[in-house]
Amino acid sequence: MTGNAEAPQLVAHLPRCWKPRHRDDLVRLGPKQDGGYVVTEAIIRHTDFVVGLGVGTDWNFEEDFHERKRCPVHCYDHTISLGRFTMDALRHSAMLLVPPRLRNIGRFYEPVNLLPLKYISFFRGDKKHYREKIGGDAARDTDFRKIFSRIPEGDKVFVKIDIEGGEYSLLSGLGEYYERVTGLVVEFHHIIFHRDLIGARISALRRSFDIVHVHVNNFKGIDERGMPYVFEVTFENKNLGNGDGKESEREYPVVGLDYPNSTWFADFKLLFEAGI
């Protein structure tokens, strides 16, 4: 079973001022499920350096970006390491060595066993993983000052942020680097607790960036007002001069670009309305 294709499509609502601006060069990077995001060709073209904040076991987005642009990639995630992936693979393999062994042979190629090889094959050369916690506490966590100190001055940077709620404190430190950021994708979490804070962060970003894409993460639901608990927003720097500023007339999710984060549930239809 790969999902519930017959499930009715639920409707989510977001404020009209968050509706994307029109772009005709949108592309998807990463998988056609959770971990894939929509950006613009202009962002890719102008980017010299990619920063991925939060990768878990899936860095396909960063891998696709690197394939398109051949630019350096720095990923940050304190929850993963080659050692952890190797230990998980060894434990999984040990469980498969019990009878009946022949039935278990195919399971040696399951993703958990392949992660160490996947990690080694990607994170090398100009593609680095830093096992550091990302947050807004400069005394304890890695912040944007440290992140940008590792990037050549003058390089234009794309930033992906998926750090399970830590984005709010982190984003407050990005302002001094807006001129160097070609674009960013942010997955906003826990809207029921942080609605005003999300609004403030998005308002600050919109002074320098256009919202060019929005997608609802269907792993979570919607609140009593129909607002999604988790949603993904793509921002493009206004200095790229890409687009005429008019509102997008697309229906969301966009066919051919958007896919459900979880294949077990239908994607949310997204409406942008005043007064939400």
Protein backbone atom coordinates (compact mmCIF):
# COMPACT_ATOMS: atom_id res chain seq x y z
CA MET A 1 0.00 0.00 0.00
CA THR A 2 1.50 3.33 -1.06
CA GLY A 3 -1.11 5.74 0.17
CA ASN A 4 -4.78 6.66 0.27
CA ALA A 5 -5.41 8.14 -3.15
CA GLU A 6 -9.20 8.08 -2.56
CA ALA A 7 -9.12 10.20 0.60
CA PRO A 8 -10.98 13.52 0.31
CA GLN A 9 -8.78 16.58 -0.13
CA LEU A 10 -8.75 18.76 2.96
CA VAL A 11 -8.51 22.53 2.71
CA ALA A 12 -5.98 24.66 4.59
CA HIS A 13 -5.99 28.45 4.86
CA LEU A 14 -3.22 31.04 5.12
CA PRO A 15 -3.26 34.86 5.08
CA ARG A 16 -3.65 36.49 1.66
CA CYS A 17 -0.47 38.52 2.18
CA TRP A 18 1.52 35.27 2.18
CA LYS A 19 0.32 34.30 -1.29
CA PRO A 20 3.27 33.66 -3.63
CA ARG A 21 4.38 36.12 -6.29
CA HIS A 22 4.29 34.80 -9.83
CA ARG A 23 7.35 32.98 -11.12
CA ASP A 24 7.54 30.94 -14.31
CA ASP A 25 10.85 29.21 -13.50
CA LEU A 26 9.88 27.05 -10.51
CA VAL A 27 11.61 23.68 -10.17
CA ARG A 28 11.57 20.95 -7.55
CA LEU A 29 14.75 19.63 -5.94
CA GLY A 30 14.87 16.54 -3.77
CA PRO A 31 12.39 13.66 -3.55
CA LYS A 32 8.74 13.70 -4.58
CA GLN A 33 7.78 13.39 -0.91
CA ASP A 34 9.00 14.81 2.39
CA GLY A 35 12.37 16.52 1.99
CA GLY A 36 11.74 17.90 -1.50
CA TYR A 37 11.30 21.64 -1.99
CA VAL A 38 10.43 24.07 -4.78
CA VAL A 39 12.88 26.85 -5.73
CA THR A 40 13.43 29.01 -8.81
CA GLU A 41 15.94 28.61 -11.60
CA ALA A 42 17.06 32.17 -10.84
CA ILE A 43 17.96 31.18 -7.28
CA ILE A 44 19.99 28.22 -8.52
CA ARG A 45 21.74 30.33 -11.15
CA HIS A 46 22.83 33.05 -8.70
CA THR A 47 23.83 30.77 -5.81
CA ASP A 48 27.50 30.11 -5.01
CA PHE A 49 27.03 28.17 -1.77
CA VAL A 50 24.28 25.99 -0.24
CA VAL A 51 23.58 25.68 3.48
CA GLY A 52 21.24 22.92 4.70
CA LEU A 53 20.06 23.26 8.29
CA GLY A 54 18.50 19.99 9.38
CA VAL A 55 18.98 16.95 7.14
CA GLY A 56 18.26 13.80 9.18
CA THR A 57 18.60 10.80 6.89
CA ASP A 58 17.68 12.68 3.71
CA TRP A 59 20.00 15.19 2.02
CA ASN A 60 18.61 14.62 -1.49
CA PHE A 61 17.61 18.28 -1.77
CA GLU A 62 21.19 19.42 -1.17
CA GLU A 63 22.45 16.67 -3.48
CA ASP A 64 20.17 17.81 -6.31
CA PHE A 65 21.19 21.44 -5.81
CA HIS A 66 24.85 20.43 -5.98
CA GLU A 67 24.22 18.45 -9.15
CA ARG A 68 22.59 21.48 -10.77
CA LYS A 69 25.17 24.10 -9.72
CA ARG A 70 28.32 22.23 -8.56
CA CYS A 71 28.64 24.63 -5.63
CA PRO A 72 29.90 23.83 -2.12
CA VAL A 73 27.40 22.50 0.41
CA HIS A 74 27.48 22.78 4.20
CA CYS A 75 24.92 20.75 6.16
CA TYR A 76 24.25 21.08 9.88
CA ASP A 77 22.56 18.44 12.04
CA HIS A 78 23.66 17.43 15.53
CA THR A 79 21.48 14.29 15.53
CA ILE A 80 23.36 12.33 12.84
CA SER A 81 26.86 11.04 12.13
CA LEU A 82 28.64 8.33 10.16
CA GLY A 83 29.19 6.45 13.41
CA ARG A 84 25.49 6.49 14.28
CA PHE A 85 24.48 5.33 10.80
CA THR A 86 27.08 2.55 10.94
CA MET A 87 25.88 1.30 14.34
CA ASP A 88 22.25 1.33 13.16
CA ALA A 89 23.23 -0.66 10.07
CA LEU A 90 25.17 -3.21 12.14
CA ARG A 91 22.27 -3.71 14.55
CA HIS A 92 19.84 -4.09 11.66
CA SER A 93 22.13 -6.59 9.91
CA ALA A 94 22.57 -8.62 13.10
CA MET A 95 18.80 -9.03 13.39
CA LEU A 96 18.67 -10.34 9.84
CA LEU A 97 21.19 -13.11 10.52
CA VAL A 98 18.74 -15.18 12.52
CA PRO A 99 16.85 -18.05 10.73
CA PRO A 100 15.33 -18.17 8.20
CA ARG A 101 18.32 -16.36 6.66
CA LEU A 102 17.40 -16.81 2.99
CA ARG A 103 14.19 -14.86 3.49
CA ASN A 104 16.16 -11.95 4.95
CA ILE A 105 18.78 -11.57 2.18
CA GLY A 106 16.88 -8.86 0.34
CA ARG A 107 16.48 -6.83 3.50
CA PHE A 108 20.23 -6.20 3.68
CA TYR A 109 19.61 -3.58 0.98
CA GLU A 110 17.06 -1.63 3.01
CA PRO A 111 17.78 2.11 3.46
CA VAL A 112 19.09 1.79 7.02
CA ASN A 113 21.91 -0.48 5.82
CA LEU A 114 22.77 1.79 2.89
CA LEU A 115 22.96 5.03 4.89
CA PRO A 116 26.67 4.75 5.82
CA LEU A 117 27.61 4.36 2.14
CA LYS A 118 25.25 7.16 1.14
CA TYR A 119 26.79 9.43 3.79
CA ILE A 120 30.38 8.70 2.72
CA SER A 121 29.62 9.14 -0.97
CA PHE A 122 28.07 12.60 -0.52
CA PHE A 123 29.84 14.27 2.41
CA ARG A 124 33.33 14.68 1.02
CA GLY A 125 35.36 17.40 -0.67
CA ASP A 126 33.38 20.64 -0.77
CA LYS A 127 30.30 18.96 0.73
CA LYS A 128 30.61 18.97 4.52
CA HIS A 129 28.47 17.88 7.44
CA TYR A 130 28.84 19.69 10.76
CA ARG A 131 27.52 17.81 13.77
CA GLU A 132 26.41 21.01 15.48
CA LYS A 133 23.08 22.10 16.96
CA ILE A 134 21.52 25.06 15.21
CA GLY A 135 19.71 27.68 17.25
CA GLY A 136 19.51 31.26 18.37
CA ASP A 137 21.61 30.85 21.52
CA ALA A 138 25.06 32.01 20.39
CA ALA A 139 26.62 30.78 23.64
CA ARG A 140 25.51 27.17 23.11
CA ASP A 141 24.37 26.70 19.52
CA THR A 142 25.70 27.39 16.06
CA ASP A 143 24.17 30.56 14.63
CA PHE A 144 24.36 32.40 11.31
CA ARG A 145 27.53 34.28 12.33
CA LYS A 146 29.39 30.99 12.65
CA ILE A 147 27.75 29.53 9.55
CA PHE A 148 28.73 32.49 7.36
CA SER A 149 32.24 32.61 8.84
CA ARG A 150 32.88 29.31 7.03
CA ILE A 151 31.75 30.67 3.66
CA PRO A 152 33.99 32.83 1.44
CA GLU A 153 33.09 36.49 1.82
CA GLY A 154 31.06 37.66 -1.13
CA ASP A 155 29.62 34.25 -2.03
CA LYS A 156 25.87 34.24 -2.59
CA VAL A 157 24.16 31.68 -0.37
CA PHE A 158 20.97 29.63 -0.45
CA VAL A 159 19.66 28.45 2.92
CA LYS A 160 17.32 25.54 3.70
CA ILE A 161 15.87 25.49 7.23
CA ASP A 162 14.06 22.46 8.63
CA ILE A 163 14.92 22.33 12.32
CA GLU A 164 11.62 21.38 13.96
CA GLY A 165 10.67 24.66 15.61
CA GLY A 166 14.13 26.16 16.08
CA GLU A 167 13.62 28.36 13.04
CA TYR A 168 12.01 31.19 15.01
CA SER A 169 14.97 32.11 17.17
CA LEU A 170 17.42 31.35 14.36
CA LEU A 171 15.81 33.62 11.76
CA SER A 172 16.25 36.67 13.95
CA GLY A 173 19.99 36.47 13.24
CA LEU A 174 19.76 36.28 9.45
CA GLY A 175 19.00 39.95 8.82
CA GLU A 176 22.60 41.14 8.52
CA TYR A 177 23.16 38.61 5.70
CA TYR A 178 20.07 39.31 3.57
CA GLU A 179 22.16 40.86 0.78
CA ARG A 180 24.14 37.62 0.44
CA VAL A 181 21.14 35.26 0.49
CA THR A 182 19.71 34.38 -2.93
CA GLY A 183 16.79 32.58 -1.36
CA LEU A 184 15.70 30.30 1.40
CA VAL A 185 13.22 27.54 2.14
CA VAL A 186 11.80 27.49 5.64
CA GLU A 187 9.58 24.81 7.13
CA PHE A 188 7.52 26.54 9.81
CA HIS A 189 6.34 24.33 12.69
CA HIS A 190 3.86 24.54 15.57
CA ILE A 191 1.81 27.41 14.14
CA ILE A 192 -0.82 26.92 16.86
CA PHE A 193 1.76 28.11 19.41
CA HIS A 194 3.71 30.61 17.28
CA ARG A 195 1.24 32.30 14.94
CA ASP A 196 2.23 35.86 15.88
CA LEU A 197 5.93 34.98 15.79
CA ILE A 198 5.57 33.37 12.35
CA GLY A 199 3.82 36.49 11.12
CA ALA A 200 6.63 38.68 12.45
CA ARG A 201 9.36 36.52 10.90
CA ILE A 202 7.63 36.37 7.50
CA SER A 203 6.97 40.13 7.55
CA ALA A 204 10.66 40.78 8.22
CA LEU A 205 11.70 38.47 5.38
CA ARG A 206 9.22 40.01 2.92
CA ARG A 207 11.04 43.35 3.09
CA SER A 208 13.94 41.77 1.19
CA PHE A 209 12.43 38.60 -0.28
CA ASP A 210 9.40 37.63 -2.32
CA ILE A 211 7.41 34.57 -1.33
CA VAL A 212 7.49 32.44 -4.48
CA HIS A 213 6.03 29.14 -3.26
CA VAL A 214 4.06 27.70 -0.34
CA HIS A 215 3.17 24.08 0.42
CA VAL A 216 1.37 22.49 3.36
CA ASN A 217 3.11 19.56 5.05
CA ASN A 218 0.41 16.89 5.31
CA PHE A 219 2.10 14.97 8.12
CA LYS A 220 0.23 17.30 10.48
CA GLY A 221 -3.30 18.62 10.33
CA ILE A 222 -5.00 21.98 10.55
CA ASP A 223 -6.32 23.91 13.53
CA GLU A 224 -9.92 24.97 14.13
CA ARG A 225 -9.44 27.96 11.80
CA GLY A 226 -8.07 25.78 9.03
CA MET A 227 -4.48 26.97 9.39
CA PRO A 228 -1.88 24.22 8.86
CA TYR A 229 0.34 23.18 11.74
CA VAL A 230 3.36 22.83 9.43
CA PHE A 231 3.99 24.51 6.07
CA GLU A 232 6.93 25.22 3.77
CA VAL A 233 7.71 28.63 2.29
CA THR A 234 10.22 29.49 -0.44
CA PHE A 235 11.64 33.02 -0.50
CA GLU A 236 13.58 34.61 -3.38
CA ASN A 237 15.75 37.71 -2.93
CA LYS A 238 14.13 40.73 -4.58
CA ASN A 239 17.52 41.80 -5.91
CA LEU A 240 17.40 38.94 -8.40
CA GLY A 241 14.84 40.96 -10.34
CA ASN A 242 12.97 37.82 -11.31
CA GLY A 243 9.27 38.38 -11.96
CA ASP A 244 6.91 41.33 -12.19
CA GLY A 245 5.58 41.18 -8.66
CA LYS A 246 2.04 40.07 -9.50
CA GLU A 247 0.30 37.42 -7.46
CA SER A 248 0.50 33.85 -8.60
CA GLU A 249 -2.67 32.53 -10.21
CA ARG A 250 -1.71 28.91 -9.62
CA GLU A 251 -3.78 26.52 -7.59
CA TYR A 252 -2.00 25.00 -4.60
CA PRO A 253 -0.68 22.35 -4.43
CA VAL A 254 0.84 22.84 -7.88
CA VAL A 255 0.52 19.81 -10.12
CA GLY A 256 3.94 18.54 -11.20
CA LEU A 257 5.77 20.49 -8.49
CA ASP A 258 4.09 19.60 -5.20
CA TYR A 259 3.72 16.13 -3.74
CA PRO A 260 2.38 14.95 -0.36
CA ASN A 261 5.03 14.80 2.36
CA SER A 262 3.37 11.58 3.44
CA THR A 263 2.05 9.32 0.70
CA TRP A 264 -0.45 7.86 3.17
CA PHE A 265 -2.60 11.01 3.06
CA ALA A 266 -3.91 13.34 0.40
CA ASP A 267 -2.19 16.69 -0.02
CA PHE A 268 -3.94 19.76 1.37
CA LYS A 269 -5.60 22.24 -0.96
CA LEU A 270 -4.34 25.67 0.05
CA LEU A 271 -6.35 28.88 -0.03
CA PHE A 272 -5.09 32.38 0.77
CA GLU A 273 -7.70 34.63 2.37
CA ALA A 274 -7.84 38.07 3.95
CA GLY A 275 -8.57 38.11 7.64
CA ILE A 276 -7.04 34.72 8.42
